[in-house]
Every structure is written in structure tokens, then in C-alpha cells.
Amino acid sequence: IVRKTPKKVNGEDWLMGHSLEACVEIYASGDLYAFLRNYEKDFPALLIVSSVRLSEEAVPDGSYISEDPAGLRVNVLPAPGKKCERCWNYSSYVGRDPDHPTLCERCTEVVKAL
């Protein structure tokens, strides 16, 4: 579904170079939303993207509309933040830690524990 989703930024086509450059927005409601909430934290790893947002809110124009499962809508955008030099995920945390300014929060915690 993510590969089928049109990728647009400010109305312009966006060519995603690598999947980690992406933030996937998933829109669902009712039972489907409740089911997806159980796996929300696992979606970035499963989809191999930097971040995933799950929402019951109104779906933006241009989102991919799935027929199976019905009621699922997906939007793919550039991931917010900067690229972590260790894991290559994009994160708004990169640059916040003065001791490790090029690492995301997860990688900063790992490196500090070494």
C-alpha cells in the first residue's frame, strides 16, 4: 500500500530516494483503527520508514484509498527532522543532545550505554 501511495509535497511530486526518508500517515476509523492502534509502535520497523502516524482525523486530499482492507487511507510524506548518522532514520531529535548531535534519541541512548 505504501508503494502505491502517490507522494506529493506542496502539490509537487516527491521522489523518495530511500524508504527511511518517509513518514507514513495512516487514516482509519472504528474497528480498523482500534486494531491498528495495537501495532502502532511497530509500524516504522515493519514498513522500513522513519515514522508512522496513525489517525482517525479527516483524510487529506490525494491520499491512497485502499479497497482491501476497506476504510484504510495512506499518505506518504518526507519524514520530519534530520538523518541520524548511526541508523539513518530521520528524527526531529537529531541535534538536541550536545554530546551526540548527529544521533536520534534511540541511538543516543544506545551509545551512552556503551
C-alpha atoms as a PDB file:
ATOM      1  CA  ILE A   1       0.000   0.000   0.000  1.00  0.00           C
ATOM      2  CA  VAL A   2       2.822   2.415   0.860  1.00  0.00           C
ATOM      3  CA  ARG A   3       4.439   1.896  -2.556  1.00  0.00           C
ATOM      4  CA  LYS A   4       1.117   2.560  -4.307  1.00  0.00           C
ATOM      5  CA  THR A   5       0.597   5.837  -2.474  1.00  0.00           C
ATOM      6  CA  PRO A   6       1.222   8.981  -4.528  1.00  0.00           C
ATOM      7  CA  LYS A   7       3.965  11.060  -2.969  1.00  0.00           C
ATOM      8  CA  LYS A   8       3.354  14.800  -3.082  1.00  0.00           C
ATOM      9  CA  VAL A   9       4.870  17.717  -1.198  1.00  0.00           C
ATOM     10  CA  ASN A  10       3.197  21.106  -1.540  1.00  0.00           C
ATOM     11  CA  GLY A  11       1.317  19.789  -4.576  1.00  0.00           C
ATOM     12  CA  GLU A  12       4.532  18.681  -6.308  1.00  0.00           C
ATOM     13  CA  ASP A  13       5.601  15.096  -6.966  1.00  0.00           C
ATOM     14  CA  TRP A  14       8.197  13.936  -4.446  1.00  0.00           C
ATOM     15  CA  LEU A  15      10.677  11.272  -5.459  1.00  0.00           C
ATOM     16  CA  MET A  16      11.550   9.227  -2.398  1.00  0.00           C
ATOM     17  CA  GLY A  17      15.171   8.076  -2.651  1.00  0.00           C
ATOM     18  CA  HIS A  18      15.027   5.649   0.283  1.00  0.00           C
ATOM     19  CA  SER A  19      12.128   4.439   2.398  1.00  0.00           C
ATOM     20  CA  LEU A  20      13.713   5.873   5.572  1.00  0.00           C
ATOM     21  CA  GLU A  21      13.121   9.335   4.097  1.00  0.00           C
ATOM     22  CA  ALA A  22       9.384   8.749   4.539  1.00  0.00           C
ATOM     23  CA  CYS A  23       6.763   9.408   7.157  1.00  0.00           C
ATOM     24  CA  VAL A  24       3.628   7.344   6.562  1.00  0.00           C
ATOM     25  CA  GLU A  25       0.277   8.694   7.709  1.00  0.00           C
ATOM     26  CA  ILE A  26      -2.389   6.022   8.153  1.00  0.00           C
ATOM     27  CA  TYR A  27      -6.031   7.034   8.456  1.00  0.00           C
ATOM     28  CA  ALA A  28      -8.672   4.591   9.672  1.00  0.00           C
ATOM     29  CA  SER A  29     -11.765   4.529  11.857  1.00  0.00           C
ATOM     30  CA  GLY A  30     -13.807   2.194  14.006  1.00  0.00           C
ATOM     31  CA  ASP A  31     -12.636  -1.384  14.440  1.00  0.00           C
ATOM     32  CA  LEU A  32      -9.826  -0.997  11.896  1.00  0.00           C
ATOM     33  CA  TYR A  33      -8.393   1.965  13.811  1.00  0.00           C
ATOM     34  CA  ALA A  34      -8.646   0.054  17.117  1.00  0.00           C
ATOM     35  CA  PHE A  35      -6.858  -2.928  15.554  1.00  0.00           C
ATOM     36  CA  LEU A  36      -4.066  -0.780  14.072  1.00  0.00           C
ATOM     37  CA  ARG A  37      -3.508   1.016  17.407  1.00  0.00           C
ATOM     38  CA  ASN A  38      -2.253  -2.286  18.827  1.00  0.00           C
ATOM     39  CA  TYR A  39       0.647  -2.271  16.353  1.00  0.00           C
ATOM     40  CA  GLU A  40       1.326   1.450  16.004  1.00  0.00           C
ATOM     41  CA  LYS A  41       4.764   1.373  17.646  1.00  0.00           C
ATOM     42  CA  ASP A  42       5.864  -1.467  15.330  1.00  0.00           C
ATOM     43  CA  PHE A  43       4.864   0.173  12.036  1.00  0.00           C
ATOM     44  CA  PRO A  44       8.108   2.092  11.367  1.00  0.00           C
ATOM     45  CA  ALA A  45      10.148  -1.128  11.537  1.00  0.00           C
ATOM     46  CA  LEU A  46       7.567  -3.154   9.595  1.00  0.00           C
ATOM     47  CA  LEU A  47       7.290  -0.574   6.820  1.00  0.00           C
ATOM     48  CA  ILE A  48      11.000   0.375   6.952  1.00  0.00           C
ATOM     49  CA  VAL A  49      10.234   4.092   7.265  1.00  0.00           C
ATOM     50  CA  SER A  50      11.365   6.726   9.776  1.00  0.00           C
ATOM     51  CA  SER A  51       7.956   7.404  11.279  1.00  0.00           C
ATOM     52  CA  VAL A  52       4.294   6.459  11.125  1.00  0.00           C
ATOM     53  CA  ARG A  53       1.328   8.496  12.302  1.00  0.00           C
ATOM     54  CA  LEU A  54      -1.990   6.754  12.898  1.00  0.00           C
ATOM     55  CA  SER A  55      -5.061   8.958  12.917  1.00  0.00           C
ATOM     56  CA  GLU A  56      -8.852   8.930  12.978  1.00  0.00           C
ATOM     57  CA  GLU A  57      -8.943  12.506  11.677  1.00  0.00           C
ATOM     58  CA  ALA A  58     -10.159  13.654   8.290  1.00  0.00           C
ATOM     59  CA  VAL A  59      -8.164  12.261   5.389  1.00  0.00           C
ATOM     60  CA  PRO A  60      -6.169  14.752   3.287  1.00  0.00           C
ATOM     61  CA  ASP A  61      -6.883  15.030  -0.429  1.00  0.00           C
ATOM     62  CA  GLY A  62      -4.638  12.851  -2.566  1.00  0.00           C
ATOM     63  CA  SER A  63      -4.345  10.031  -0.029  1.00  0.00           C
ATOM     64  CA  TYR A  64      -4.312   6.460  -1.284  1.00  0.00           C
ATOM     65  CA  ILE A  65      -7.651   4.755  -0.606  1.00  0.00           C
ATOM     66  CA  SER A  66      -7.424   1.029  -0.027  1.00  0.00           C
ATOM     67  CA  GLU A  67     -10.084  -1.385  -1.216  1.00  0.00           C
ATOM     68  CA  ASP A  68      -8.704  -4.213   0.914  1.00  0.00           C
ATOM     69  CA  PRO A  69      -8.836  -3.532   3.769  1.00  0.00           C
ATOM     70  CA  ALA A  70     -11.705  -1.150   3.159  1.00  0.00           C
ATOM     71  CA  GLY A  71     -11.565   2.125   5.056  1.00  0.00           C
ATOM     72  CA  LEU A  72      -7.777   2.369   5.134  1.00  0.00           C
ATOM     73  CA  ARG A  73      -6.215   5.513   3.699  1.00  0.00           C
ATOM     74  CA  VAL A  74      -2.499   6.235   3.441  1.00  0.00           C
ATOM     75  CA  ASN A  75      -0.443   9.335   2.813  1.00  0.00           C
ATOM     76  CA  VAL A  76       3.360   9.357   2.388  1.00  0.00           C
ATOM     77  CA  LEU A  77       5.370  12.485   3.182  1.00  0.00           C
ATOM     78  CA  PRO A  78       9.022  13.347   3.781  1.00  0.00           C
ATOM     79  CA  ALA A  79       9.983  12.389   7.323  1.00  0.00           C
ATOM     80  CA  PRO A  80      10.472  15.338   9.658  1.00  0.00           C
ATOM     81  CA  GLY A  81      13.868  16.119  11.141  1.00  0.00           C
ATOM     82  CA  LYS A  82      17.405  15.251  10.183  1.00  0.00           C
ATOM     83  CA  LYS A  83      19.063  11.969   9.308  1.00  0.00           C
ATOM     84  CA  CYS A  84      20.701  10.069  12.177  1.00  0.00           C
ATOM     85  CA  GLU A  85      24.226   9.122  11.129  1.00  0.00           C
ATOM     86  CA  ARG A  86      24.038   5.808  13.002  1.00  0.00           C
ATOM     87  CA  CYS A  87      20.670   4.285  11.987  1.00  0.00           C
ATOM     88  CA  TRP A  88      19.772   6.580   9.044  1.00  0.00           C
ATOM     89  CA  ASN A  89      16.268   7.229  10.401  1.00  0.00           C
ATOM     90  CA  TYR A  90      15.057  10.799  10.211  1.00  0.00           C
ATOM     91  CA  SER A  91      14.183  12.334  13.564  1.00  0.00           C
ATOM     92  CA  SER A  92      13.444  15.765  14.974  1.00  0.00           C
ATOM     93  CA  TYR A  93      15.588  14.728  17.974  1.00  0.00           C
ATOM     94  CA  VAL A  94      18.819  14.832  15.906  1.00  0.00           C
ATOM     95  CA  GLY A  95      20.842  17.827  17.074  1.00  0.00           C
ATOM     96  CA  ARG A  96      19.308  18.076  20.562  1.00  0.00           C
ATOM     97  CA  ASP A  97      21.954  16.195  22.528  1.00  0.00           C
ATOM     98  CA  PRO A  98      25.157  18.262  22.741  1.00  0.00           C
ATOM     99  CA  ASP A  99      27.295  15.146  23.313  1.00  0.00           C
ATOM    100  CA  HIS A 100      25.823  13.322  20.311  1.00  0.00           C
ATOM    101  CA  PRO A 101      24.384  15.984  17.979  1.00  0.00           C
ATOM    102  CA  THR A 102      24.189  13.702  14.926  1.00  0.00           C
ATOM    103  CA  LEU A 103      22.207  10.909  16.594  1.00  0.00           C
ATOM    104  CA  CYS A 104      18.499  10.268  17.120  1.00  0.00           C
ATOM    105  CA  GLU A 105      17.101   9.680  20.597  1.00  0.00           C
ATOM    106  CA  ARG A 106      17.241   5.877  20.353  1.00  0.00           C
ATOM    107  CA  CYS A 107      20.837   5.844  19.106  1.00  0.00           C
ATOM    108  CA  THR A 108      21.900   8.432  21.696  1.00  0.00           C
ATOM    109  CA  GLU A 109      20.611   6.171  24.482  1.00  0.00           C
ATOM    110  CA  VAL A 110      22.426   3.150  22.992  1.00  0.00           C
ATOM    111  CA  VAL A 111      25.741   4.993  22.585  1.00  0.00           C
ATOM    112  CA  LYS A 112      25.576   6.434  26.095  1.00  0.00           C
ATOM    113  CA  ALA A 113      25.017   2.924  27.477  1.00  0.00           C
ATOM    114  CA  LEU A 114      28.177   1.575  25.804  1.00  0.00           C
END
